[in-house]
Amino acid sequence: MMRSIHKNVSGLNLSYTTLMLAINLEVIRGSLGQGHK
């Protein structure tokens, strides 16, 4: 039982990390776009 819970938690961490990376990329691209104007 604990093993399956751990598997779910690591999966959540992975998708959370991916989401944070995507948001950071959008923010960086947005600030770069503003800087070039």
PDB file of N, CA and C in Angstrom:
ATOM      1  N   MET A   1       0.832  -1.198   0.000  1.00  0.00           N
ATOM      2  CA  MET A   1       0.000   0.000   0.000  1.00  0.00           C
ATOM      3  C   MET A   1       0.874   1.258   0.000  1.00  0.00           C
ATOM      4  N   MET A   2       1.865   1.299   0.861  1.00  0.00           N
ATOM      5  CA  MET A   2       2.751   2.467   0.914  1.00  0.00           C
ATOM      6  C   MET A   2       3.469   2.672  -0.419  1.00  0.00           C
ATOM      7  N   ARG A   3       3.818   1.576  -1.082  1.00  0.00           N
ATOM      8  CA  ARG A   3       4.551   1.661  -2.344  1.00  0.00           C
ATOM      9  C   ARG A   3       3.708   2.368  -3.404  1.00  0.00           C
ATOM     10  N   SER A   4       2.417   2.015  -3.482  1.00  0.00           N
ATOM     11  CA  SER A   4       1.545   2.632  -4.490  1.00  0.00           C
ATOM     12  C   SER A   4       1.349   4.120  -4.170  1.00  0.00           C
ATOM     13  N   ILE A   5       1.259   4.459  -2.893  1.00  0.00           N
ATOM     14  CA  ILE A   5       1.116   5.871  -2.501  1.00  0.00           C
ATOM     15  C   ILE A   5       2.379   6.632  -2.921  1.00  0.00           C
ATOM     16  N   HIS A   6       3.536   6.041  -2.673  1.00  0.00           N
ATOM     17  CA  HIS A   6       4.795   6.686  -3.044  1.00  0.00           C
ATOM     18  C   HIS A   6       4.872   6.897  -4.559  1.00  0.00           C
ATOM     19  N   LYS A   7       4.396   5.911  -5.308  1.00  0.00           N
ATOM     20  CA  LYS A   7       4.401   6.008  -6.771  1.00  0.00           C
ATOM     21  C   LYS A   7       3.523   7.172  -7.221  1.00  0.00           C
ATOM     22  N   ASN A   8       2.349   7.320  -6.599  1.00  0.00           N
ATOM     23  CA  ASN A   8       1.456   8.421  -6.941  1.00  0.00           C
ATOM     24  C   ASN A   8       2.079   9.764  -6.593  1.00  0.00           C
ATOM     25  N   VAL A   9       2.741   9.840  -5.446  1.00  0.00           N
ATOM     26  CA  VAL A   9       3.365  11.092  -5.016  1.00  0.00           C
ATOM     27  C   VAL A   9       4.475  11.488  -5.982  1.00  0.00           C
ATOM     28  N   SER A  10       5.330  10.555  -6.389  1.00  0.00           N
ATOM     29  CA  SER A  10       6.413  10.878  -7.312  1.00  0.00           C
ATOM     30  C   SER A  10       5.842  11.305  -8.663  1.00  0.00           C
ATOM     31  N   GLY A  11       4.735  10.723  -9.066  1.00  0.00           N
ATOM     32  CA  GLY A  11       4.092  11.123 -10.315  1.00  0.00           C
ATOM     33  C   GLY A  11       3.565  12.549 -10.214  1.00  0.00           C
ATOM     34  N   LEU A  12       2.988  12.884  -9.060  1.00  0.00           N
ATOM     35  CA  LEU A  12       2.496  14.246  -8.835  1.00  0.00           C
ATOM     36  C   LEU A  12       3.664  15.225  -8.855  1.00  0.00           C
ATOM     37  N   ASN A  13       4.766  14.869  -8.197  1.00  0.00           N
ATOM     38  CA  ASN A  13       5.943  15.741  -8.179  1.00  0.00           C
ATOM     39  C   ASN A  13       6.455  15.986  -9.589  1.00  0.00           C
ATOM     40  N   LEU A  14       6.448  14.946 -10.420  1.00  0.00           N
ATOM     41  CA  LEU A  14       6.942  15.066 -11.788  1.00  0.00           C
ATOM     42  C   LEU A  14       6.083  16.037 -12.587  1.00  0.00           C
ATOM     43  N   SER A  15       4.759  15.892 -12.498  1.00  0.00           N
ATOM     44  CA  SER A  15       3.883  16.782 -13.256  1.00  0.00           C
ATOM     45  C   SER A  15       3.944  18.200 -12.699  1.00  0.00           C
ATOM     46  N   TYR A  16       4.107  18.333 -11.375  1.00  0.00           N
ATOM     47  CA  TYR A  16       4.236  19.665 -10.764  1.00  0.00           C
ATOM     48  C   TYR A  16       5.510  20.344 -11.255  1.00  0.00           C
ATOM     49  N   THR A  17       6.611  19.591 -11.287  1.00  0.00           N
ATOM     50  CA  THR A  17       7.885  20.136 -11.758  1.00  0.00           C
ATOM     51  C   THR A  17       7.769  20.550 -13.221  1.00  0.00           C
ATOM     52  N   THR A  18       7.128  19.715 -14.037  1.00  0.00           N
ATOM     53  CA  THR A  18       6.941  20.037 -15.452  1.00  0.00           C
ATOM     54  C   THR A  18       6.117  21.312 -15.609  1.00  0.00           C
ATOM     55  N   LEU A  19       5.066  21.438 -14.789  1.00  0.00           N
ATOM     56  CA  LEU A  19       4.212  22.626 -14.831  1.00  0.00           C
ATOM     57  C   LEU A  19       5.016  23.870 -14.463  1.00  0.00           C
ATOM     58  N   MET A  20       5.810  23.784 -13.398  1.00  0.00           N
ATOM     59  CA  MET A  20       6.636  24.925 -12.976  1.00  0.00           C
ATOM     60  C   MET A  20       7.627  25.306 -14.071  1.00  0.00           C
ATOM     61  N   LEU A  21       8.248  24.311 -14.706  1.00  0.00           N
ATOM     62  CA  LEU A  21       9.198  24.585 -15.786  1.00  0.00           C
ATOM     63  C   LEU A  21       8.502  25.284 -16.943  1.00  0.00           C
ATOM     64  N   ALA A  22       7.324  24.835 -17.300  1.00  0.00           N
ATOM     65  CA  ALA A  22       6.579  25.442 -18.404  1.00  0.00           C
ATOM     66  C   ALA A  22       6.227  26.893 -18.077  1.00  0.00           C
ATOM     67  N   ILE A  23       5.767  27.136 -16.857  1.00  0.00           N
ATOM     68  CA  ILE A  23       5.416  28.505 -16.445  1.00  0.00           C
ATOM     69  C   ILE A  23       6.663  29.392 -16.463  1.00  0.00           C
ATOM     70  N   ASN A  24       7.767  28.893 -15.931  1.00  0.00           N
ATOM     71  CA  ASN A  24       9.011  29.663 -15.920  1.00  0.00           C
ATOM     72  C   ASN A  24       9.461  29.988 -17.343  1.00  0.00           C
ATOM     73  N   LEU A  25       9.352  29.028 -18.248  1.00  0.00           N
ATOM     74  CA  LEU A  25       9.728  29.261 -19.643  1.00  0.00           C
ATOM     75  C   LEU A  25       8.873  30.358 -20.256  1.00  0.00           C
ATOM     76  N   GLU A  26       7.572  30.334 -19.991  1.00  0.00           N
ATOM     77  CA  GLU A  26       6.665  31.361 -20.530  1.00  0.00           C
ATOM     78  C   GLU A  26       7.029  32.734 -19.970  1.00  0.00           C
ATOM     79  N   VAL A  27       7.333  32.805 -18.680  1.00  0.00           N
ATOM     80  CA  VAL A  27       7.708  34.077 -18.042  1.00  0.00           C
ATOM     81  C   VAL A  27       9.000  34.604 -18.645  1.00  0.00           C
ATOM     82  N   ILE A  28       9.993  33.712 -18.803  1.00  0.00           N
ATOM     83  CA  ILE A  28      11.282  34.115 -19.380  1.00  0.00           C
ATOM     84  C   ILE A  28      11.095  34.593 -20.814  1.00  0.00           C
ATOM     85  N   ARG A  29      10.322  33.860 -21.597  1.00  0.00           N
ATOM     86  CA  ARG A  29      10.085  34.251 -22.992  1.00  0.00           C
ATOM     87  C   ARG A  29       9.347  35.586 -23.040  1.00  0.00           C
ATOM     88  N   GLY A  30       8.403  35.792 -22.139  1.00  0.00           N
ATOM     89  CA  GLY A  30       7.651  37.041 -22.087  1.00  0.00           C
ATOM     90  C   GLY A  30       8.556  38.215 -21.755  1.00  0.00           C
ATOM     91  N   SER A  31       9.433  38.051 -20.755  1.00  0.00           N
ATOM     92  CA  SER A  31      10.321  39.152 -20.366  1.00  0.00           C
ATOM     93  C   SER A  31      11.363  39.408 -21.456  1.00  0.00           C
ATOM     94  N   LEU A  32      11.809  38.348 -22.131  1.00  0.00           N
ATOM     95  CA  LEU A  32      12.747  38.530 -23.242  1.00  0.00           C
ATOM     96  C   LEU A  32      12.077  39.295 -24.375  1.00  0.00           C
ATOM     97  N   GLY A  33      10.821  38.942 -24.660  1.00  0.00           N
ATOM     98  CA  GLY A  33      10.076  39.626 -25.713  1.00  0.00           C
ATOM     99  C   GLY A  33       9.914  41.104 -25.396  1.00  0.00           C
ATOM    100  N   GLN A  34       9.648  41.431 -24.138  1.00  0.00           N
ATOM    101  CA  GLN A  34       9.500  42.837 -23.744  1.00  0.00           C
ATOM    102  C   GLN A  34      10.842  43.558 -23.855  1.00  0.00           C
ATOM    103  N   GLY A  35      11.922  42.852 -23.511  1.00  0.00           N
ATOM    104  CA  GLY A  35      13.246  43.473 -23.550  1.00  0.00           C
ATOM    105  C   GLY A  35      13.677  43.810 -24.966  1.00  0.00           C
ATOM    106  N   HIS A  36      13.257  43.007 -25.943  1.00  0.00           N
ATOM    107  CA  HIS A  36      13.675  43.240 -27.335  1.00  0.00           C
ATOM    108  C   HIS A  36      12.927  44.397 -27.982  1.00  0.00           C
ATOM    109  N   LYS A  37      11.778  44.757 -27.411  1.00  0.00           N
ATOM    110  CA  LYS A  37      10.967  45.810 -28.043  1.00  0.00           C
ATOM    111  C   LYS A  37      11.649  47.174 -27.925  1.00  0.00           C
TER     112      LYS A  37
END
